[in-house]
C-alpha atoms as a PDB file:
ATOM      1  CA  UNK A   1       4.438   6.772 -34.246  1.00  0.00           C
ATOM      2  CA  UNK A   2       7.393   7.275 -31.854  1.00  0.00           C
ATOM      3  CA  UNK A   3       7.050   5.792 -28.423  1.00  0.00           C
ATOM      4  CA  UNK A   4       8.585   6.428 -25.027  1.00  0.00           C
ATOM      5  CA  UNK A   5       8.156   3.002 -23.474  1.00  0.00           C
ATOM      6  CA  UNK A   6      10.560   0.899 -21.469  1.00  0.00           C
ATOM      7  CA  UNK A   7      13.602  -0.730 -23.067  1.00  0.00           C
ATOM      8  CA  UNK A   8      12.035  -4.148 -22.467  1.00  0.00           C
ATOM      9  CA  UNK A   9       9.103  -3.390 -24.802  1.00  0.00           C
ATOM     10  CA  UNK A  10      10.756  -0.783 -27.043  1.00  0.00           C
ATOM     11  CA  UNK A  11      11.014  -1.547 -30.748  1.00  0.00           C
ATOM     12  CA  UNK A  12      14.302  -3.057 -31.905  1.00  0.00           C
ATOM     13  CA  UNK A  13      16.962  -0.464 -32.570  1.00  0.00           C
ATOM     14  CA  UNK A  14      18.021  -0.515 -36.204  1.00  0.00           C
ATOM     15  CA  UNK A  15      21.093   0.845 -37.925  1.00  0.00           C
ATOM     16  CA  UNK A  16      20.036   3.965 -39.797  1.00  0.00           C
ATOM     17  CA  UNK A  17      17.146   4.811 -37.493  1.00  0.00           C
ATOM     18  CA  UNK A  18      16.775   8.186 -35.798  1.00  0.00           C
ATOM     19  CA  UNK A  19      15.830   8.291 -32.106  1.00  0.00           C
ATOM     20  CA  UNK A  20      15.574  10.979 -29.455  1.00  0.00           C
ATOM     21  CA  UNK A  21      18.355  10.657 -26.894  1.00  0.00           C
ATOM     22  CA  UNK A  22      19.122  12.428 -23.647  1.00  0.00           C
ATOM     23  CA  UNK A  23      22.742  13.542 -24.104  1.00  0.00           C
ATOM     24  CA  UNK A  24      22.842  15.587 -20.893  1.00  0.00           C
ATOM     25  CA  UNK A  25      25.160  16.624 -19.515  1.00  0.00           C
ATOM     26  CA  UNK A  26      27.215  17.853 -22.444  1.00  0.00           C
ATOM     27  CA  UNK A  27      30.880  18.594 -21.717  1.00  0.00           C
ATOM     28  CA  UNK A  28      32.985  21.133 -23.597  1.00  0.00           C
ATOM     29  CA  UNK A  29      32.193  20.875 -27.306  1.00  0.00           C
ATOM     30  CA  UNK A  30      29.910  17.817 -26.865  1.00  0.00           C
ATOM     31  CA  UNK A  31      26.312  18.371 -27.903  1.00  0.00           C
ATOM     32  CA  UNK A  32      24.016  18.003 -24.901  1.00  0.00           C
ATOM     33  CA  UNK A  33      20.267  18.164 -24.241  1.00  0.00           C
ATOM     34  CA  UNK A  34      17.559  15.913 -25.644  1.00  0.00           C
ATOM     35  CA  UNK A  35      18.118  15.693 -29.384  1.00  0.00           C
ATOM     36  CA  UNK A  36      17.725  13.352 -32.331  1.00  0.00           C
ATOM     37  CA  UNK A  37      20.560  10.897 -32.951  1.00  0.00           C
ATOM     38  CA  UNK A  38      21.307   8.553 -35.840  1.00  0.00           C
ATOM     39  CA  UNK A  39      22.193   4.970 -34.917  1.00  0.00           C
ATOM     40  CA  UNK A  40      25.324   3.915 -36.848  1.00  0.00           C
ATOM     41  CA  UNK A  41      26.265   0.783 -34.898  1.00  0.00           C
ATOM     42  CA  UNK A  42      26.304  -2.542 -36.757  1.00  0.00           C
ATOM     43  CA  UNK A  43      22.992  -4.372 -36.814  1.00  0.00           C
ATOM     44  CA  UNK A  44      24.692  -7.489 -35.425  1.00  0.00           C
ATOM     45  CA  UNK A  45      25.649  -5.651 -32.205  1.00  0.00           C
ATOM     46  CA  UNK A  46      22.190  -4.119 -31.959  1.00  0.00           C
ATOM     47  CA  UNK A  47      20.560  -7.540 -32.263  1.00  0.00           C
ATOM     48  CA  UNK A  48      22.969  -8.946 -29.646  1.00  0.00           C
ATOM     49  CA  UNK A  49      21.456  -6.404 -27.202  1.00  0.00           C
ATOM     50  CA  UNK A  50      24.834  -4.727 -26.650  1.00  0.00           C
ATOM     51  CA  UNK A  51      24.495  -2.334 -23.642  1.00  0.00           C
ATOM     52  CA  UNK A  52      25.629   0.743 -25.582  1.00  0.00           C
ATOM     53  CA  UNK A  53      24.933   2.136 -29.034  1.00  0.00           C
ATOM     54  CA  UNK A  54      27.134   4.105 -31.444  1.00  0.00           C
ATOM     55  CA  UNK A  55      25.309   7.258 -32.517  1.00  0.00           C
ATOM     56  CA  UNK A  56      25.811  10.495 -34.416  1.00  0.00           C
ATOM     57  CA  UNK A  57      23.982  13.487 -32.876  1.00  0.00           C
ATOM     58  CA  UNK A  58      21.821  15.752 -35.040  1.00  0.00           C
ATOM     59  CA  UNK A  59      21.418  19.514 -34.817  1.00  0.00           C
ATOM     60  CA  UNK A  60      18.884  21.926 -36.283  1.00  0.00           C
ATOM     61  CA  UNK A  61      21.674  24.563 -36.428  1.00  0.00           C
ATOM     62  CA  UNK A  62      22.373  24.078 -40.123  1.00  0.00           C
ATOM     63  CA  UNK A  63      25.737  24.802 -41.776  1.00  0.00           C
ATOM     64  CA  UNK A  64      25.895  24.593 -45.559  1.00  0.00           C
ATOM     65  CA  UNK A  65      28.756  22.934 -47.461  1.00  0.00           C
ATOM     66  CA  UNK A  66      30.334  21.291 -44.391  1.00  0.00           C
ATOM     67  CA  UNK A  67      30.832  17.705 -45.632  1.00  0.00           C
ATOM     68  CA  UNK A  68      32.293  15.404 -44.388  1.00  0.00           C
ATOM     69  CA  UNK A  69      31.767  16.906 -40.910  1.00  0.00           C
ATOM     70  CA  UNK A  70      28.050  17.416 -41.527  1.00  0.00           C
ATOM     71  CA  UNK A  71      25.404  15.816 -43.722  1.00  0.00           C
ATOM     72  CA  UNK A  72      21.917  17.291 -44.136  1.00  0.00           C
ATOM     73  CA  UNK A  73      18.908  15.139 -43.264  1.00  0.00           C
ATOM     74  CA  UNK A  74      15.614  16.693 -44.428  1.00  0.00           C
ATOM     75  CA  UNK A  75      12.644  16.779 -42.059  1.00  0.00           C
ATOM     76  CA  UNK A  76      10.444  13.711 -42.563  1.00  0.00           C
ATOM     77  CA  UNK A  77       8.299  11.297 -40.581  1.00  0.00           C
ATOM     78  CA  UNK A  78       9.005  12.037 -36.878  1.00  0.00           C
ATOM     79  CA  UNK A  79      12.018  14.290 -37.572  1.00  0.00           C
ATOM     80  CA  UNK A  80      10.340  17.698 -37.352  1.00  0.00           C
ATOM     81  CA  UNK A  81      13.156  19.941 -38.644  1.00  0.00           C
ATOM     82  CA  UNK A  82      15.836  19.749 -41.302  1.00  0.00           C
ATOM     83  CA  UNK A  83      18.930  18.652 -39.381  1.00  0.00           C
ATOM     84  CA  UNK A  84      22.662  18.231 -39.838  1.00  0.00           C
ATOM     85  CA  UNK A  85      24.431  15.092 -38.665  1.00  0.00           C
ATOM     86  CA  UNK A  86      27.436  16.048 -36.498  1.00  0.00           C
ATOM     87  CA  UNK A  87      29.710  13.336 -37.856  1.00  0.00           C
ATOM     88  CA  UNK A  88      32.731  14.551 -35.881  1.00  0.00           C
ATOM     89  CA  UNK A  89      30.716  13.954 -32.676  1.00  0.00           C
ATOM     90  CA  UNK A  90      30.373  10.163 -33.153  1.00  0.00           C
ATOM     91  CA  UNK A  91      30.039   8.525 -29.727  1.00  0.00           C
ATOM     92  CA  UNK A  92      28.789   5.531 -27.797  1.00  0.00           C
ATOM     93  CA  UNK A  93      25.903   6.075 -25.408  1.00  0.00           C
ATOM     94  CA  UNK A  94      24.220   3.795 -22.891  1.00  0.00           C
ATOM     95  CA  UNK A  95      20.996   2.393 -24.336  1.00  0.00           C
ATOM     96  CA  UNK A  96      19.044   4.028 -21.482  1.00  0.00           C
ATOM     97  CA  UNK A  97      19.817   7.398 -23.104  1.00  0.00           C
ATOM     98  CA  UNK A  98      17.619   6.430 -26.101  1.00  0.00           C
ATOM     99  CA  UNK A  99      14.285   7.758 -24.859  1.00  0.00           C
ATOM    100  CA  UNK A 100      11.955   7.839 -27.862  1.00  0.00           C
ATOM    101  CA  UNK A 101      11.859   6.258 -31.264  1.00  0.00           C
ATOM    102  CA  UNK A 102      12.301   5.346 -33.885  1.00  0.00           C
ATOM    103  CA  UNK A 103      11.394   8.724 -35.380  1.00  0.00           C
ATOM    104  CA  UNK A 104      12.358   7.622 -38.898  1.00  0.00           C
ATOM    105  CA  UNK A 105      14.538   5.224 -40.879  1.00  0.00           C
ATOM    106  CA  UNK A 106      17.186   6.610 -43.261  1.00  0.00           C
ATOM    107  CA  UNK A 107      17.259   5.094 -46.753  1.00  0.00           C
ATOM    108  CA  UNK A 108      20.235   2.896 -47.744  1.00  0.00           C
ATOM    109  CA  UNK A 109      21.522   5.537 -50.182  1.00  0.00           C
ATOM    110  CA  UNK A 110      21.774   8.108 -47.381  1.00  0.00           C
ATOM    111  CA  UNK A 111      23.465   5.607 -45.055  1.00  0.00           C
ATOM    112  CA  UNK A 112      26.048   5.012 -47.802  1.00  0.00           C
ATOM    113  CA  UNK A 113      26.857   8.737 -47.659  1.00  0.00           C
ATOM    114  CA  UNK A 114      27.063   8.529 -43.846  1.00  0.00           C
ATOM    115  CA  UNK A 115      29.446   5.559 -44.075  1.00  0.00           C
ATOM    116  CA  UNK A 116      31.645   7.405 -46.575  1.00  0.00           C
ATOM    117  CA  UNK A 117      31.761  10.548 -44.403  1.00  0.00           C
ATOM    118  CA  UNK A 118      32.583   8.521 -41.273  1.00  0.00           C
ATOM    119  CA  UNK A 119      35.421   6.748 -43.101  1.00  0.00           C
ATOM    120  CA  UNK A 120      36.820  10.138 -44.051  1.00  0.00           C
ATOM    121  CA  UNK A 121      36.426  11.646 -40.561  1.00  0.00           C
ATOM    122  CA  UNK A 122      38.012   8.547 -38.975  1.00  0.00           C
ATOM    123  CA  UNK A 123      40.685   8.217 -41.693  1.00  0.00           C
ATOM    124  CA  UNK A 124      39.587   4.655 -42.488  1.00  0.00           C
ATOM    125  CA  UNK A 125      40.001   3.793 -46.126  1.00  0.00           C
ATOM    126  CA  UNK A 126      39.438   0.453 -47.796  1.00  0.00           C
ATOM    127  CA  UNK A 127      42.429  -0.556 -49.925  1.00  0.00           C
END
């Protein structure tokens, strides 16, 4: 069950986990408000207790056939609604913005799709 306890006692953040984050205030096209986010930062940085975390925000405003900018994540566990990952909104947030979680853990197959979409959005290709 998701928790909203202090960072000192909060469960370890894991790559591929979905948390609620306070992204207020949003600026311009940035998604704001309290919303689910997918942690995409390397597990090594997470375990080193790095002060910020790379995330991809989620939205329940679904848009079909929008890959690689969006990937659909079906509702499951603590994620109450089908959601799209806003892959073009990748950002680093202070760990204090992560307010509840984990809501769920994405399977490795899905994270492979996320990695592929991020490589395309960022124009990073392995040769």
